[in-house]
Amino acid sequence: MGKRIISQARGKGSMSYRVRARAFVYEIKYPSVSGEGTIVKIISSAAHSAPLAKVSVGSQIFFIPAFEGAEEGGHITIGTTDIKPGNVVAVRDIPLGTSVYNVERNPGDGGKMVRVAGVSALVHKRYDHNKVGVLMPNKNELILDGNCRATIGAVSGQGRKLKPFINAGKMFYEMKARNKLWPRTSAVKMNAIDHPFGSGRGKRIKSKIAKRNAPAGARVGHLRPRRTGRKK
């Protein structure tokens, strides 16, 4: 007897494929005020790979990924030009070659990029019309508005991937905390009744382009790519 394929089961929204709401209680953002802030506490969040720093500035409290060397009771500044680890500065005021993280994609969005444990970006180049080039961890340059803010330094937690999980149970709960599908089973290894790709006959895999309005049971493979095949 067949069963629903994984994409159908995830779309149904059962508790098996629903993230824990309490895992995402901390929202990363920058405050709307400037001044000196105090690191109130270093927090471990199930939804983030790096520890978070709870910072108080004026009457506001916000959370950002902790930087290397962060400690409770330490001080950082927001909205100044002081280049010191942990300070939040507009990218136009950051010297070239400085490591930054938690970079805003658009001014005021609170930081959307470079937030994984141990990573950092590099302020790379200045352009006309208040544009700044930032070299991302994947070595691609991203041109941003000079008013976008970033935190000086690198995200703490470097070497996180060097520690093995040891057993599958620990990996299972780690993935479940962030609603990641694990373990992944290759569709071609399934029975034909359990997946459109499944069958023990042949296994000569060909790419399939699913229709954008296909139902969950048939919406597998490439989901309407702009192009297929190798680039020539």
Protein backbone atom coordinates (compact mmCIF):
# COMPACT_ATOMS: atom_id res chain seq x y z
CA MET A 1 0.00 0.00 0.00
CA GLY A 2 1.41 3.36 -0.99
CA LYS A 3 1.69 6.40 1.19
CA ARG A 4 1.84 10.11 0.68
CA ILE A 5 5.18 11.30 -0.66
CA ILE A 6 7.21 13.66 1.52
CA SER A 7 6.23 16.82 -0.35
CA GLN A 8 2.55 15.99 0.25
CA ALA A 9 3.11 15.25 3.93
CA ARG A 10 5.05 18.49 4.46
CA GLY A 11 2.38 20.50 2.67
CA LYS A 12 -0.33 19.10 4.94
CA GLY A 13 1.31 20.85 7.88
CA SER A 14 1.29 18.07 10.47
CA MET A 15 3.39 18.27 13.63
CA SER A 16 5.92 15.92 12.04
CA TYR A 17 6.96 18.66 9.64
CA ARG A 18 6.26 21.79 11.65
CA VAL A 19 8.99 23.79 13.36
CA ARG A 20 8.77 24.44 17.08
CA ALA A 21 7.40 27.95 17.58
CA ARG A 22 9.53 28.48 20.67
CA ALA A 23 12.70 27.97 18.61
CA PHE A 24 12.17 31.28 16.79
CA VAL A 25 11.41 33.58 19.71
CA TYR A 26 14.45 35.80 19.05
CA GLU A 27 14.37 38.15 16.07
CA ILE A 28 17.67 39.55 14.82
CA LYS A 29 17.48 43.28 14.12
CA TYR A 30 19.13 46.63 14.75
CA PRO A 31 17.59 49.31 17.00
CA SER A 32 16.07 52.52 15.67
CA VAL A 33 18.18 54.64 18.05
CA SER A 34 21.90 55.39 18.25
CA GLY A 35 24.18 55.40 21.25
CA GLU A 36 26.09 53.04 23.51
CA GLY A 37 24.61 49.64 24.21
CA THR A 38 25.36 47.05 26.88
CA ILE A 39 25.51 43.31 26.26
CA VAL A 40 23.02 42.04 28.83
CA LYS A 41 23.32 38.32 28.10
CA ILE A 42 24.73 35.76 25.66
CA ILE A 43 21.87 33.47 24.60
CA SER A 44 21.82 30.04 22.98
CA SER A 45 19.06 29.90 20.36
CA ALA A 46 17.86 26.65 18.80
CA ALA A 47 17.01 28.46 15.57
CA HIS A 48 20.48 29.96 15.04
CA SER A 49 23.88 28.36 14.57
CA ALA A 50 25.67 31.12 16.52
CA PRO A 51 24.99 32.40 20.04
CA LEU A 52 22.99 35.62 20.21
CA ALA A 53 23.87 38.76 22.12
CA LYS A 54 21.02 40.48 23.97
CA VAL A 55 21.86 44.19 23.85
CA SER A 56 20.20 47.08 25.67
CA VAL A 57 20.49 50.61 24.29
CA GLY A 58 18.38 53.34 25.85
CA SER A 59 14.89 51.93 26.32
CA GLN A 60 15.26 49.36 23.53
CA ILE A 61 16.45 45.75 23.63
CA PHE A 62 17.54 43.92 20.48
CA PHE A 63 19.31 40.72 19.49
CA ILE A 64 22.26 40.25 17.12
CA PRO A 65 24.63 37.32 16.50
CA ALA A 66 27.43 37.51 19.06
CA PHE A 67 30.83 38.57 17.73
CA GLU A 68 34.13 36.89 18.53
CA GLY A 69 35.24 38.17 21.92
CA ALA A 70 31.76 39.22 23.09
CA GLU A 71 31.15 38.98 26.82
CA GLU A 72 28.31 39.85 29.15
CA GLY A 73 28.61 43.37 30.51
CA GLY A 74 30.58 44.57 27.47
CA HIS A 75 29.70 47.72 25.56
CA ILE A 76 29.13 48.40 21.87
CA THR A 77 28.07 51.52 20.00
CA ILE A 78 25.33 51.93 17.41
CA GLY A 79 25.39 54.56 14.69
CA THR A 80 28.92 55.89 15.23
CA THR A 81 32.12 55.66 13.16
CA ASP A 82 34.17 53.89 15.84
CA ILE A 83 35.65 50.76 14.19
CA LYS A 84 35.68 48.23 17.01
CA PRO A 85 34.38 44.61 17.12
CA GLY A 86 30.68 44.59 17.88
CA ASN A 87 29.96 48.18 16.84
CA VAL A 88 27.15 48.79 14.35
CA VAL A 89 28.30 51.16 11.61
CA ALA A 90 26.98 52.21 8.18
CA VAL A 91 29.05 50.52 5.46
CA ARG A 92 29.98 53.88 3.90
CA ASP A 93 31.89 54.73 7.11
CA ILE A 94 33.74 51.40 7.36
CA PRO A 95 37.37 51.35 6.09
CA LEU A 96 38.17 49.05 3.18
CA GLY A 97 39.41 45.61 4.22
CA THR A 98 37.36 45.53 7.44
CA SER A 99 35.55 42.31 8.39
CA VAL A 100 31.82 42.72 8.99
CA TYR A 101 28.75 40.54 9.54
CA ASN A 102 24.96 40.81 9.92
CA VAL A 103 24.87 43.07 6.86
CA GLU A 104 21.67 44.84 5.81
CA ARG A 105 20.44 44.18 2.27
CA ASN A 106 18.38 47.36 2.29
CA PRO A 107 18.81 50.26 4.74
CA GLY A 108 16.80 49.63 7.88
CA ASP A 109 15.94 45.95 7.38
CA GLY A 110 17.88 44.95 10.52
CA GLY A 111 20.52 42.70 8.95
CA LYS A 112 19.72 39.80 6.63
CA MET A 113 23.08 38.44 5.43
CA VAL A 114 26.28 36.88 6.89
CA ARG A 115 24.83 35.59 10.15
CA VAL A 116 26.09 31.98 10.29
CA ALA A 117 28.55 30.98 13.01
CA GLY A 118 32.17 31.76 12.21
CA VAL A 119 31.64 33.74 8.97
CA SER A 120 32.37 37.32 7.98
CA ALA A 121 32.26 39.53 4.89
CA LEU A 122 34.79 42.13 3.72
CA VAL A 123 34.20 45.77 2.81
CA HIS A 124 35.82 45.65 -0.59
CA LYS A 125 35.31 48.73 -2.75
CA ARG A 126 33.65 52.13 -2.98
CA TYR A 127 31.57 53.29 -5.92
CA ASP A 128 29.89 56.51 -6.96
CA HIS A 129 26.41 57.49 -5.77
CA ASN A 130 27.00 56.24 -2.20
CA LYS A 131 27.47 52.60 -3.22
CA VAL A 132 29.80 50.18 -1.44
CA GLY A 133 30.99 46.76 -2.62
CA VAL A 134 31.04 44.00 0.00
CA LEU A 135 32.88 40.72 -0.62
CA MET A 136 30.63 37.95 0.68
CA PRO A 137 31.88 34.68 2.22
CA ASN A 138 31.34 32.91 -1.14
CA LYS A 139 33.77 35.45 -2.75
CA ASN A 140 31.01 37.18 -4.73
CA GLU A 141 30.84 40.96 -4.53
CA LEU A 142 27.55 42.56 -3.55
CA ILE A 143 27.01 46.26 -4.18
CA LEU A 144 25.01 47.86 -1.37
CA ASP A 145 23.63 51.26 -0.47
CA GLY A 146 26.10 53.12 1.73
CA ASN A 147 23.42 53.61 4.39
CA CYS A 148 23.17 49.86 5.02
CA ARG A 149 24.47 48.94 8.44
CA ALA A 150 26.76 46.10 9.48
CA THR A 151 28.45 44.87 12.64
CA ILE A 152 32.24 45.04 12.85
CA GLY A 153 34.05 41.72 13.33
CA ALA A 154 33.14 38.08 12.70
CA VAL A 155 30.33 35.90 14.04
CA SER A 156 31.35 33.81 17.04
CA GLY A 157 31.18 30.02 16.96
CA GLN A 158 33.93 29.35 14.44
CA GLY A 159 34.73 25.65 14.18
CA ARG A 160 31.13 24.62 14.82
CA LYS A 161 31.25 22.05 12.02
CA LEU A 162 34.48 20.51 13.29
CA LYS A 163 32.66 18.84 16.18
CA PRO A 164 30.94 15.64 14.94
CA PHE A 165 27.36 14.79 15.85
CA ILE A 166 28.48 11.26 16.89
CA ASN A 167 25.00 9.72 16.60
CA ALA A 168 21.98 10.04 14.34
CA GLY A 169 19.62 10.91 17.19
CA LYS A 170 21.45 14.15 17.97
CA MET A 171 21.46 15.10 14.31
CA PHE A 172 17.71 14.37 14.11
CA TYR A 173 16.83 16.79 16.89
CA GLU A 174 19.23 19.42 15.56
CA MET A 175 17.49 19.35 12.18
CA LYS A 176 14.02 19.18 13.74
CA ALA A 177 14.65 22.37 15.72
CA ARG A 178 14.96 24.29 12.45
CA ASN A 179 12.35 22.33 10.48
CA LYS A 180 14.95 20.79 8.17
CA LEU A 181 14.03 17.61 6.32
CA TRP A 182 16.39 14.90 7.56
CA PRO A 183 17.30 12.21 6.72
CA ARG A 184 16.86 12.76 2.99
CA THR A 185 15.96 9.70 0.94
CA SER A 186 16.71 9.59 -2.76
CA ALA A 187 13.46 9.44 -4.70
CA VAL A 188 14.81 6.96 -7.24
CA LYS A 189 15.41 4.47 -4.42
CA MET A 190 11.72 4.45 -3.47
CA ASN A 191 8.99 2.24 -4.79
CA ALA A 192 7.05 3.49 -7.79
CA ILE A 193 3.93 3.81 -5.65
CA ASP A 194 5.64 6.10 -3.16
CA HIS A 195 7.17 8.64 -5.53
CA PRO A 196 6.92 9.62 -9.21
CA PHE A 197 10.65 8.92 -9.59
CA GLY A 198 10.55 5.60 -7.77
CA SER A 199 11.08 2.25 -9.41
CA GLY A 200 13.56 -0.57 -9.33
CA ARG A 201 13.63 -0.74 -13.11
CA GLY A 202 16.32 1.17 -14.90
CA LYS A 203 17.33 4.02 -12.62
CA ARG A 204 18.32 5.97 -15.70
CA ILE A 205 17.53 9.30 -14.15
CA LYS A 206 16.33 12.08 -16.42
CA SER A 207 15.59 15.59 -15.32
CA LYS A 208 11.93 16.40 -14.94
CA ILE A 209 10.38 19.85 -15.10
CA ALA A 210 7.29 20.05 -12.94
CA LYS A 211 4.46 22.37 -13.81
CA ARG A 212 4.16 25.35 -11.52
CA ASN A 213 0.51 24.61 -10.77
CA ALA A 214 1.00 20.85 -10.37
CA PRO A 215 -0.46 19.22 -7.22
CA ALA A 216 1.88 18.34 -4.36
CA GLY A 217 2.14 14.71 -5.43
CA ALA A 218 3.42 15.63 -8.90
CA ARG A 219 5.34 18.80 -8.10
CA VAL A 220 8.75 17.17 -7.88
CA GLY A 221 11.96 17.61 -9.81
CA HIS A 222 12.95 20.96 -11.29
CA LEU A 223 10.33 23.54 -10.31
CA ARG A 224 10.07 25.67 -13.46
CA PRO A 225 13.75 26.53 -13.99
CA ARG A 226 14.58 29.31 -16.45
CA ARG A 227 16.90 26.97 -18.31
CA THR A 228 18.22 23.41 -18.14
CA GLY A 229 21.34 21.63 -19.33
CA ARG A 230 24.98 22.53 -19.13
CA LYS A 231 26.09 26.06 -19.90
CA LYS A 232 28.06 26.23 -23.14
